[in-house]
Amino acid sequence: MAEKIDHFRRRLVSATTLTVAAAQLGVIGARAQSGSQAPYRLPAVTPGTNTSFASLKQVNAGVLNVGYADIAPPNGTPVILLHGWPYDIHTYVDVAPLLAEGGYRVIVPYLRGYGTTRFLSDDTPRNGQQSAIAVDVIALMDALRIEKAVVAGCDWGARTANILAALWPERVKAMVSVSGYLIGSQELNRMPLPPKAELQWWYQYYFATERGQAGYEKYRSDFARLIWELASPKWNFDDATFNRSAAAFDNPDHVAITIHNYRWRLGLAEGEAKYDALERRLAAFPVIGVPTITLEGDANGAPHPDPAAYAKKFSATYEHRLISGGIGHNLPQEAPQAFAQAVVDIDRA
């Protein structure tokens, strides 16, 4: 079993040492089927055109009071857009209006530990493990009476979307996932990687120390800016763009959730027992059986798997697109039209 996991992980991380050839909206290993609906092309948008959401709402969902944007008519097909670390809902500030123009109901929640999302009880563990975040989204869907939605995300948000599609396929109409298949397990993360691959996870090891936790608490904005620069080396974001997202890191639980997430991955922090059954299912790396488009930027500076390593993890309609033009890790904010078009295309496939 260890050999199989190690082999799978080595395939997943091989892109950290390989150069991916650039091709505008290139299709790699596509298994996309012809849909019955005519193609619908979204209008072009210049990244940074929008700077805010018109308004935010709050709703009690599970263990949280969730802050979220809810855009367009309530009878539109729901699309849930999930951000990652260290980003926030502004990842989708240009994507959401495009989808709303297409008639979608767009919901963009702050994850636990971000923005206006708060725990309902001081006694709830500040748990950042992967299944807990996915359960939060199911609770949000229940609270908003959404039976089924298109889910899309990047970074932590892509992993969360993967988990939703794998464990609750009846709730997921289709999925868009930046960097593909990102479901992990503590057992997998015990496997050492080649030194160059380990180097890219430097912050994970920093967070494993008390010095790292204190450093992130003190310098969280500077830390996040550094990650943005490393993960998207060709993205010339300005101070105003960064500061809009950095405000979300002032959440009182942000540091605790971030530190727990990375320590849990390495087996240095315990999860909650109520999620154990879900984690056992995820540790088997389940195949995802909902229609999916995966995306990758041609200038992603963050650790990410080779698309060839995960293509067979999707058993339904599937397509991979490489987005060129110096697009980094925060793909929806850097290339909003390409991301939004993928949502429309997979929904109509």
Protein backbone atom coordinates (compact mmCIF):
# COMPACT_ATOMS: atom_id res chain seq x y z
CA MET A 1 0.00 0.00 0.00
CA ALA A 2 2.84 2.39 0.88
CA GLU A 3 4.47 1.77 -2.49
CA LYS A 4 1.22 2.48 -4.32
CA ILE A 5 0.67 5.70 -2.39
CA ASP A 6 4.25 6.81 -2.93
CA HIS A 7 4.01 6.08 -6.65
CA PHE A 8 0.75 8.02 -6.92
CA ARG A 9 2.13 10.99 -5.02
CA ARG A 10 5.30 11.07 -7.11
CA ARG A 11 3.13 11.26 -10.20
CA LEU A 12 1.04 14.02 -8.64
CA VAL A 13 4.07 16.17 -7.82
CA SER A 14 6.12 15.49 -10.93
CA ALA A 15 5.11 18.82 -12.43
CA THR A 16 7.07 20.61 -9.71
CA THR A 17 10.23 19.67 -11.61
CA LEU A 18 8.96 19.60 -15.18
CA THR A 19 8.13 22.43 -17.55
CA VAL A 20 4.61 22.35 -18.97
CA ALA A 21 4.37 23.50 -22.59
CA ALA A 22 2.15 26.55 -23.03
CA ALA A 23 -0.94 26.38 -25.25
CA GLN A 24 -3.85 28.80 -25.12
CA LEU A 25 -6.78 26.87 -23.67
CA GLY A 26 -4.90 23.70 -24.59
CA VAL A 27 -6.68 20.39 -24.10
CA ILE A 28 -4.69 17.61 -22.46
CA GLY A 29 -6.10 14.11 -22.32
CA ALA A 30 -9.59 15.40 -23.02
CA ARG A 31 -12.54 13.06 -22.79
CA ALA A 32 -15.16 15.78 -23.26
CA GLN A 33 -18.40 14.65 -24.81
CA SER A 34 -20.54 16.73 -27.15
CA GLY A 35 -23.34 18.44 -25.26
CA SER A 36 -26.84 18.98 -26.51
CA GLN A 37 -26.73 22.75 -26.01
CA ALA A 38 -25.14 25.23 -28.38
CA PRO A 39 -21.83 26.78 -27.24
CA TYR A 40 -22.25 29.95 -25.21
CA ARG A 41 -19.34 32.37 -25.19
CA LEU A 42 -18.95 34.77 -22.30
CA PRO A 43 -17.82 38.33 -23.01
CA ALA A 44 -14.20 39.24 -22.44
CA VAL A 45 -13.32 41.00 -19.20
CA THR A 46 -10.14 42.77 -18.15
CA PRO A 47 -8.91 41.35 -14.84
CA GLY A 48 -9.42 43.94 -12.12
CA THR A 49 -12.49 45.49 -13.76
CA ASN A 50 -14.50 44.81 -10.59
CA THR A 51 -13.21 45.58 -7.12
CA SER A 52 -16.01 44.49 -4.80
CA PHE A 53 -19.25 42.58 -4.40
CA ALA A 54 -22.37 44.71 -4.13
CA SER A 55 -23.29 43.24 -0.76
CA LEU A 56 -22.60 40.33 1.55
CA LYS A 57 -25.01 38.15 3.46
CA GLN A 58 -24.70 36.03 6.60
CA VAL A 59 -26.35 32.69 7.37
CA ASN A 60 -26.01 30.11 10.12
CA ALA A 61 -24.80 26.86 8.56
CA GLY A 62 -23.50 23.94 10.59
CA VAL A 63 -20.94 25.18 13.12
CA LEU A 64 -20.52 28.52 11.36
CA ASN A 65 -22.17 31.81 10.64
CA VAL A 66 -21.03 32.12 7.03
CA GLY A 67 -20.38 35.36 5.19
CA TYR A 68 -21.05 35.07 1.47
CA ALA A 69 -21.88 36.93 -1.72
CA ASP A 70 -25.09 35.84 -3.46
CA ILE A 71 -25.46 37.27 -6.95
CA ALA A 72 -28.13 37.06 -9.65
CA PRO A 73 -31.65 35.59 -9.61
CA PRO A 74 -32.38 32.89 -6.99
CA ASN A 75 -33.90 30.62 -9.65
CA GLY A 76 -30.68 30.47 -11.68
CA THR A 77 -28.49 27.36 -11.69
CA PRO A 78 -26.42 27.65 -8.48
CA VAL A 79 -22.66 27.95 -8.81
CA ILE A 80 -20.56 27.85 -5.64
CA LEU A 81 -17.09 29.39 -5.99
CA LEU A 82 -14.53 28.39 -3.36
CA HIS A 83 -11.37 30.34 -2.58
CA GLY A 84 -8.08 29.10 -1.14
CA TRP A 85 -5.17 30.23 1.04
CA PRO A 86 -3.99 32.93 1.29
CA TYR A 87 -6.79 34.39 -0.82
CA ASP A 88 -10.45 35.24 -0.27
CA ILE A 89 -13.71 35.82 -2.12
CA HIS A 90 -12.07 38.53 -4.28
CA THR A 91 -10.53 35.65 -6.22
CA TYR A 92 -13.91 35.64 -8.00
CA VAL A 93 -14.68 39.35 -8.11
CA ASP A 94 -14.55 39.35 -11.93
CA VAL A 95 -15.77 35.78 -12.42
CA ALA A 96 -19.03 36.22 -10.51
CA PRO A 97 -20.50 39.04 -12.65
CA LEU A 98 -19.72 37.10 -15.84
CA LEU A 99 -21.61 34.07 -14.58
CA ALA A 100 -24.45 36.22 -13.25
CA GLU A 101 -24.83 37.74 -16.73
CA GLY A 102 -25.26 34.20 -18.00
CA GLY A 103 -28.18 33.67 -15.63
CA TYR A 104 -26.38 31.76 -12.88
CA ARG A 105 -26.97 32.23 -9.18
CA VAL A 106 -23.41 32.75 -7.93
CA ILE A 107 -22.54 32.07 -4.29
CA VAL A 108 -19.07 32.95 -3.02
CA PRO A 109 -18.53 32.08 0.66
CA TYR A 110 -15.71 33.00 2.99
CA LEU A 111 -14.20 29.74 4.23
CA ARG A 112 -13.86 29.15 7.97
CA GLY A 113 -11.20 31.51 9.28
CA TYR A 114 -11.72 34.18 6.63
CA GLY A 115 -13.61 37.45 6.31
CA THR A 116 -16.97 37.67 8.05
CA THR A 117 -17.37 33.92 8.63
CA ARG A 118 -17.41 33.10 12.36
CA PHE A 119 -17.77 30.02 14.54
CA LEU A 120 -21.06 29.93 16.42
CA SER A 121 -19.39 28.54 19.55
CA ASP A 122 -16.10 29.31 21.25
CA ASP A 123 -15.92 25.61 22.09
CA THR A 124 -15.79 24.38 18.48
CA PRO A 125 -12.28 23.18 17.54
CA ARG A 126 -10.55 25.50 15.09
CA ASN A 127 -10.08 22.63 12.71
CA GLY A 128 -8.66 23.15 9.21
CA GLN A 129 -8.67 19.55 7.99
CA GLN A 130 -9.91 18.96 4.43
CA SER A 131 -13.15 17.12 5.24
CA ALA A 132 -14.27 19.73 7.80
CA ILE A 133 -14.13 22.47 5.17
CA ALA A 134 -16.13 20.34 2.74
CA VAL A 135 -18.78 19.63 5.38
CA ASP A 136 -19.05 23.40 5.86
CA VAL A 137 -20.06 23.76 2.20
CA ILE A 138 -22.68 21.02 2.44
CA ALA A 139 -24.07 22.80 5.52
CA LEU A 140 -24.18 26.06 3.57
CA MET A 141 -26.04 24.40 0.71
CA ASP A 142 -28.53 22.99 3.19
CA ALA A 143 -28.98 26.37 4.86
CA LEU A 144 -29.62 28.02 1.48
CA ARG A 145 -31.85 25.13 0.37
CA ILE A 146 -29.64 24.33 -2.60
CA GLU A 147 -30.01 20.69 -3.54
CA LYS A 148 -27.44 20.63 -6.32
CA ALA A 149 -24.85 23.09 -7.64
CA VAL A 150 -21.92 23.49 -9.96
CA VAL A 151 -18.85 23.78 -7.71
CA ALA A 152 -15.60 25.42 -8.72
CA GLY A 153 -12.43 26.38 -6.90
CA CYS A 154 -8.70 26.81 -6.70
CA ASP A 155 -6.14 25.94 -4.01
CA TRP A 156 -8.03 24.89 -0.84
CA GLY A 157 -11.20 25.62 -2.78
CA ALA A 158 -10.29 23.15 -5.53
CA ARG A 159 -9.57 20.46 -2.97
CA THR A 160 -12.90 21.19 -1.30
CA ALA A 161 -14.70 20.99 -4.64
CA ASN A 162 -12.99 17.64 -5.31
CA ILE A 163 -14.16 16.29 -1.96
CA LEU A 164 -17.72 17.44 -2.53
CA ALA A 165 -17.79 15.76 -5.94
CA ALA A 166 -16.21 12.56 -4.61
CA LEU A 167 -18.25 12.11 -1.43
CA TRP A 168 -21.53 13.84 -2.30
CA PRO A 169 -21.88 13.47 -6.10
CA GLU A 170 -25.66 13.79 -5.80
CA ARG A 171 -25.12 17.40 -4.68
CA VAL A 172 -22.70 18.36 -7.47
CA LYS A 173 -23.94 18.98 -11.01
CA ALA A 174 -20.46 19.63 -12.43
CA MET A 175 -17.05 20.82 -11.28
CA VAL A 176 -14.20 23.12 -12.30
CA SER A 177 -10.94 22.51 -10.45
CA VAL A 178 -7.71 24.47 -10.79
CA SER A 179 -4.70 22.14 -10.61
CA GLY A 180 -6.87 19.08 -10.95
CA TYR A 181 -7.22 16.33 -8.36
CA LEU A 182 -6.04 17.54 -4.96
CA ILE A 183 -7.56 15.12 -2.45
CA GLY A 184 -4.91 14.06 0.07
CA SER A 185 -4.38 12.01 3.19
CA GLN A 186 -2.12 12.06 6.21
CA GLU A 187 -0.65 8.70 5.18
CA LEU A 188 0.22 10.03 1.74
CA ASN A 189 1.84 13.11 3.26
CA ARG A 190 4.20 10.95 5.32
CA MET A 191 5.94 9.95 2.11
CA PRO A 192 9.12 11.99 1.46
CA LEU A 193 9.53 13.83 -1.82
CA PRO A 194 12.65 14.72 -3.79
CA PRO A 195 14.44 17.73 -2.28
CA LYS A 196 13.37 20.20 -4.97
CA ALA A 197 9.74 19.24 -4.44
CA GLU A 198 10.07 19.52 -0.66
CA LEU A 199 11.59 22.99 -1.03
CA GLN A 200 8.38 24.30 -2.57
CA TRP A 201 6.53 23.35 0.64
CA TRP A 202 8.83 25.44 2.85
CA TYR A 203 5.91 27.24 4.51
CA GLN A 204 4.34 23.93 5.53
CA TYR A 205 7.42 23.12 7.58
CA TYR A 206 7.61 26.67 8.97
CA PHE A 207 4.03 26.35 10.17
CA ALA A 208 4.93 23.11 11.92
CA THR A 209 6.95 25.12 14.46
CA GLU A 210 5.85 27.43 17.23
CA ARG A 211 8.10 30.08 15.70
CA GLY A 212 6.17 29.68 12.45
CA GLN A 213 2.83 30.12 14.14
CA ALA A 214 4.04 33.24 15.95
CA GLY A 215 5.57 34.55 12.73
CA TYR A 216 2.36 34.09 10.77
CA GLU A 217 0.36 35.74 13.54
CA LYS A 218 2.68 38.77 13.50
CA TYR A 219 3.34 39.03 9.76
CA ARG A 220 0.28 37.45 8.16
CA SER A 221 -0.15 40.23 5.56
CA ASP A 222 3.54 40.21 4.58
CA PHE A 223 3.46 36.41 4.49
CA ALA A 224 0.42 36.33 2.23
CA ARG A 225 1.96 38.87 -0.15
CA LEU A 226 5.09 36.74 -0.43
CA ILE A 227 2.99 33.66 -1.26
CA TRP A 228 1.09 35.65 -3.92
CA GLU A 229 4.39 36.72 -5.51
CA LEU A 230 5.87 33.22 -5.48
CA ALA A 231 2.72 31.46 -6.64
CA SER A 232 1.94 33.95 -9.42
CA PRO A 233 5.33 35.35 -10.47
CA LYS A 234 3.96 37.12 -13.57
CA TRP A 235 0.84 38.60 -11.97
CA ASN A 236 1.38 42.35 -11.53
CA PHE A 237 -1.24 42.91 -8.86
CA ASP A 238 -1.29 46.30 -7.17
CA ASP A 239 -1.49 47.20 -3.48
CA ALA A 240 -5.22 47.88 -3.62
CA THR A 241 -5.93 44.42 -5.06
CA PHE A 242 -3.86 42.72 -2.38
CA ASN A 243 -5.24 44.82 0.46
CA ARG A 244 -8.84 43.96 -0.40
CA SER A 245 -8.06 40.28 0.15
CA ALA A 246 -5.68 40.81 3.07
CA ALA A 247 -8.54 42.29 5.09
CA ALA A 248 -10.07 38.79 5.21
CA PHE A 249 -7.05 37.50 7.14
CA ASP A 250 -7.97 39.69 10.13
CA ASN A 251 -10.56 37.06 11.03
CA PRO A 252 -9.92 36.00 14.67
CA ASP A 253 -9.67 32.33 13.67
CA HIS A 254 -7.55 32.75 10.55
CA VAL A 255 -4.18 31.85 12.02
CA ALA A 256 -5.53 28.89 13.97
CA ILE A 257 -7.27 27.44 10.91
CA THR A 258 -4.24 27.95 8.66
CA ILE A 259 -1.78 26.41 11.11
CA HIS A 260 -4.05 23.47 11.87
CA ASN A 261 -4.60 22.77 8.16
CA TYR A 262 -0.90 22.38 7.42
CA ARG A 263 -0.05 20.59 10.66
CA TRP A 264 -2.93 18.16 10.12
CA ARG A 265 -1.62 17.36 6.65
CA LEU A 266 1.71 16.29 8.14
CA GLY A 267 0.10 14.30 10.94
CA LEU A 268 1.32 16.80 13.53
CA ALA A 269 -2.20 17.77 14.63
CA GLU A 270 -5.25 15.62 15.25
CA GLY A 271 -8.50 16.04 13.37
CA GLU A 272 -11.94 15.57 14.88
CA ALA A 273 -13.20 12.03 15.34
CA LYS A 274 -16.50 12.87 13.66
CA TYR A 275 -14.64 13.26 10.36
CA ASP A 276 -12.68 10.00 10.59
CA ALA A 277 -15.00 8.01 8.32
CA LEU A 278 -14.86 10.71 5.66
CA GLU A 279 -11.07 10.84 5.83
CA ARG A 280 -10.84 7.06 5.41
CA ARG A 281 -12.86 7.34 2.21
CA LEU A 282 -10.69 10.20 0.97
CA ALA A 283 -7.49 8.31 1.76
CA ALA A 284 -8.54 5.77 -0.89
CA PHE A 285 -8.37 8.57 -3.49
CA PRO A 286 -11.86 8.01 -4.89
CA VAL A 287 -12.56 8.49 -8.58
CA ILE A 288 -14.74 11.53 -9.26
CA GLY A 289 -17.79 10.74 -11.37
CA VAL A 290 -19.23 14.19 -12.11
CA PRO A 291 -18.54 16.21 -15.29
CA THR A 292 -15.28 18.10 -14.77
CA ILE A 293 -12.96 20.61 -16.38
CA THR A 294 -9.54 21.02 -14.79
CA LEU A 295 -7.46 24.13 -15.39
CA GLU A 296 -3.82 25.08 -15.01
CA GLY A 297 -1.99 28.35 -15.54
CA ASP A 298 1.19 28.30 -17.57
CA ALA A 299 3.06 30.28 -14.89
CA ASN A 300 1.86 28.58 -11.72
CA GLY A 301 4.68 28.93 -9.20
CA ALA A 302 2.99 26.89 -6.47
CA PRO A 303 3.38 23.11 -6.08
CA HIS A 304 0.92 21.43 -8.42
CA PRO A 305 0.54 17.99 -10.00
CA ASP A 306 1.16 17.05 -13.61
CA PRO A 307 -2.23 16.81 -15.39
CA ALA A 308 -1.29 13.39 -16.74
CA ALA A 309 -1.08 12.12 -13.16
CA TYR A 310 -4.73 12.80 -12.38
CA ALA A 311 -6.57 12.50 -15.71
CA LYS A 312 -7.85 9.01 -14.86
CA LYS A 313 -9.30 10.22 -11.55
CA PHE A 314 -12.27 11.64 -13.48
CA SER A 315 -14.64 9.07 -14.94
CA ALA A 316 -17.37 11.29 -16.45
CA THR A 317 -17.16 14.01 -19.10
CA TYR A 318 -13.68 15.45 -18.62
CA GLU A 319 -11.37 18.03 -20.18
CA HIS A 320 -8.13 19.72 -19.11
CA ARG A 321 -7.28 23.26 -20.23
CA LEU A 322 -3.92 25.00 -19.98
CA ILE A 323 -4.37 28.77 -19.73
CA SER A 324 -1.44 30.70 -21.18
CA GLY A 325 -0.34 34.31 -20.88
CA GLY A 326 1.66 34.19 -17.64
CA ILE A 327 -1.24 32.92 -15.53
CA GLY A 328 -0.29 31.83 -12.03
CA HIS A 329 -1.82 30.03 -9.09
CA ASN A 330 -4.75 32.39 -8.47
CA LEU A 331 -6.14 31.57 -11.89
CA PRO A 332 -9.74 32.85 -11.47
CA GLN A 333 -8.56 36.34 -10.55
CA GLU A 334 -5.78 36.40 -13.15
CA ALA A 335 -7.84 34.88 -16.01
CA PRO A 336 -11.50 35.37 -15.03
CA GLN A 337 -12.98 34.89 -18.49
CA ALA A 338 -11.24 31.53 -18.98
CA PHE A 339 -12.37 30.32 -15.56
CA ALA A 340 -15.97 31.48 -15.98
CA GLN A 341 -16.12 29.98 -19.48
CA ALA A 342 -15.04 26.63 -18.07
CA VAL A 343 -17.94 26.77 -15.60
CA VAL A 344 -20.41 27.47 -18.39
CA ASP A 345 -18.94 24.85 -20.69
CA ILE A 346 -18.97 22.02 -18.15
CA ASP A 347 -22.46 22.92 -17.00
CA ARG A 348 -23.69 22.68 -20.60
CA ALA A 349 -21.62 19.63 -21.60
